[in-house]
Amino acid sequence: MSKEEGSIIKFVFGLFSGIVSGVVLGLLFAPKSGKELREDLASKTREIKDVTLDKLEKIQELGKEQASKVATTIQEKASKISSRLDALASRGSEILIQDEVQ
């Protein structure tokens, strides 16, 4: 996991914790009846669920983008290494042939 992904996950966790804490404290200290409080809790729970799912989708998208970038970089580097190895093998063959001729 990169530093950026770790920071994003920590941010989302902190955001989620702050939202939950604020909602719970706000509802507990609000002067409402039990029925109103339960309705508010259900409503806030749905809101928190929606926000959390949205954030998780964004994190998944970021993860897929990063994985794609890493895969592309690895392919490019592997291709360069393969080309260099082919060139070295070719040079080695030429040197061996020249040694045999002399």
Protein backbone atom coordinates (compact mmCIF):
# COMPACT_ATOMS: atom_id res chain seq x y z
CA MET A 1 0.00 0.00 0.00
CA SER A 2 1.42 3.38 -0.96
CA LYS A 3 1.64 6.34 1.35
CA GLU A 4 -1.11 8.10 -0.61
CA GLU A 5 -3.52 5.17 -0.29
CA GLY A 6 -2.78 4.90 3.43
CA SER A 7 -3.47 8.60 3.87
CA ILE A 8 -6.76 8.33 1.98
CA ILE A 9 -7.88 5.35 4.07
CA LYS A 10 -6.97 7.17 7.29
CA PHE A 11 -8.86 10.25 6.09
CA VAL A 12 -11.98 8.24 5.20
CA PHE A 13 -11.85 6.40 8.54
CA GLY A 14 -11.46 9.71 10.40
CA LEU A 15 -14.28 11.27 8.40
CA PHE A 16 -16.55 8.31 9.07
CA SER A 17 -15.70 8.30 12.79
CA GLY A 18 -16.34 12.03 13.06
CA ILE A 19 -19.68 11.79 11.30
CA VAL A 20 -20.83 8.89 13.46
CA SER A 21 -19.69 10.59 16.68
CA GLY A 22 -21.35 13.87 15.75
CA VAL A 23 -24.62 12.23 14.79
CA VAL A 24 -24.78 10.08 17.92
CA LEU A 25 -23.95 12.95 20.26
CA GLY A 26 -26.34 15.29 18.49
CA LEU A 27 -29.17 12.82 18.71
CA LEU A 28 -28.52 11.88 22.32
CA PHE A 29 -28.54 15.49 23.49
CA ALA A 30 -31.49 16.58 21.36
CA PRO A 31 -34.78 16.97 23.26
CA LYS A 32 -36.88 14.51 21.25
CA SER A 33 -39.26 11.68 22.02
CA GLY A 34 -38.17 8.07 21.63
CA LYS A 35 -40.05 7.64 18.37
CA GLU A 36 -38.55 10.80 16.86
CA LEU A 37 -35.10 9.76 18.04
CA ARG A 38 -35.43 6.31 16.43
CA GLU A 39 -36.61 7.86 13.16
CA ASP A 40 -33.69 10.30 13.22
CA LEU A 41 -31.24 7.49 13.98
CA ALA A 42 -32.58 5.43 11.08
CA SER A 43 -32.37 8.42 8.76
CA LYS A 44 -28.83 9.33 9.81
CA THR A 45 -27.75 5.70 9.55
CA ARG A 46 -28.93 5.60 5.95
CA GLU A 47 -27.07 8.86 5.22
CA ILE A 48 -23.87 7.54 6.77
CA LYS A 49 -24.20 4.29 4.84
CA ASP A 50 -24.58 6.21 1.57
CA VAL A 51 -21.57 8.44 2.29
CA THR A 52 -19.46 5.44 3.30
CA LEU A 53 -20.37 3.46 0.19
CA ASP A 54 -19.57 6.47 -1.98
CA LYS A 55 -16.16 6.88 -0.35
CA LEU A 56 -15.42 3.16 -0.68
CA GLU A 57 -16.26 3.29 -4.39
CA LYS A 58 -13.84 6.19 -4.82
CA ILE A 59 -11.12 4.29 -2.96
CA GLN A 60 -11.72 1.23 -5.16
CA GLU A 61 -11.44 3.37 -8.31
CA LEU A 62 -8.20 4.88 -7.03
CA GLY A 63 -6.85 1.41 -6.27
CA LYS A 64 -7.73 0.16 -9.76
CA GLU A 65 -6.07 3.21 -11.35
CA GLN A 66 -2.92 2.72 -9.28
CA ALA A 67 -2.80 -1.00 -10.09
CA SER A 68 -3.16 -0.23 -13.78
CA LYS A 69 -0.32 2.31 -13.61
CA VAL A 70 1.93 -0.16 -11.80
CA ALA A 71 1.15 -2.91 -14.33
CA THR A 72 1.94 -0.59 -17.24
CA THR A 73 5.22 0.49 -15.65
CA ILE A 74 6.22 -3.13 -15.01
CA GLN A 75 5.41 -4.08 -18.61
CA GLU A 76 7.46 -1.18 -19.97
CA LYS A 77 10.46 -2.01 -17.78
CA ALA A 78 10.25 -5.73 -18.59
CA SER A 79 10.18 -4.90 -22.29
CA LYS A 80 13.27 -2.68 -21.95
CA ILE A 81 15.12 -5.36 -19.98
CA SER A 82 14.19 -7.99 -22.56
CA SER A 83 15.47 -5.77 -25.39
CA ARG A 84 18.74 -5.16 -23.57
CA LEU A 85 19.20 -8.86 -22.87
CA ASP A 86 18.59 -9.64 -26.55
CA ALA A 87 21.18 -7.04 -27.55
CA LEU A 88 23.70 -8.43 -25.05
CA ALA A 89 23.10 -11.99 -26.26
CA SER A 90 23.60 -10.87 -29.84
CA ARG A 91 26.86 -9.09 -28.95
CA GLY A 92 28.02 -12.13 -27.02
CA SER A 93 27.35 -14.36 -30.02
CA GLU A 94 29.27 -11.98 -32.30
CA ILE A 95 32.23 -11.95 -29.93
CA LEU A 96 32.28 -15.77 -29.75
CA ILE A 97 32.12 -16.03 -33.55
CA GLN A 98 34.97 -13.52 -33.93
CA ASP A 99 37.09 -15.44 -31.38
CA GLU A 100 36.51 -18.69 -33.27
CA VAL A 101 37.47 -17.07 -36.58
CA GLN A 102 40.74 -15.70 -35.18
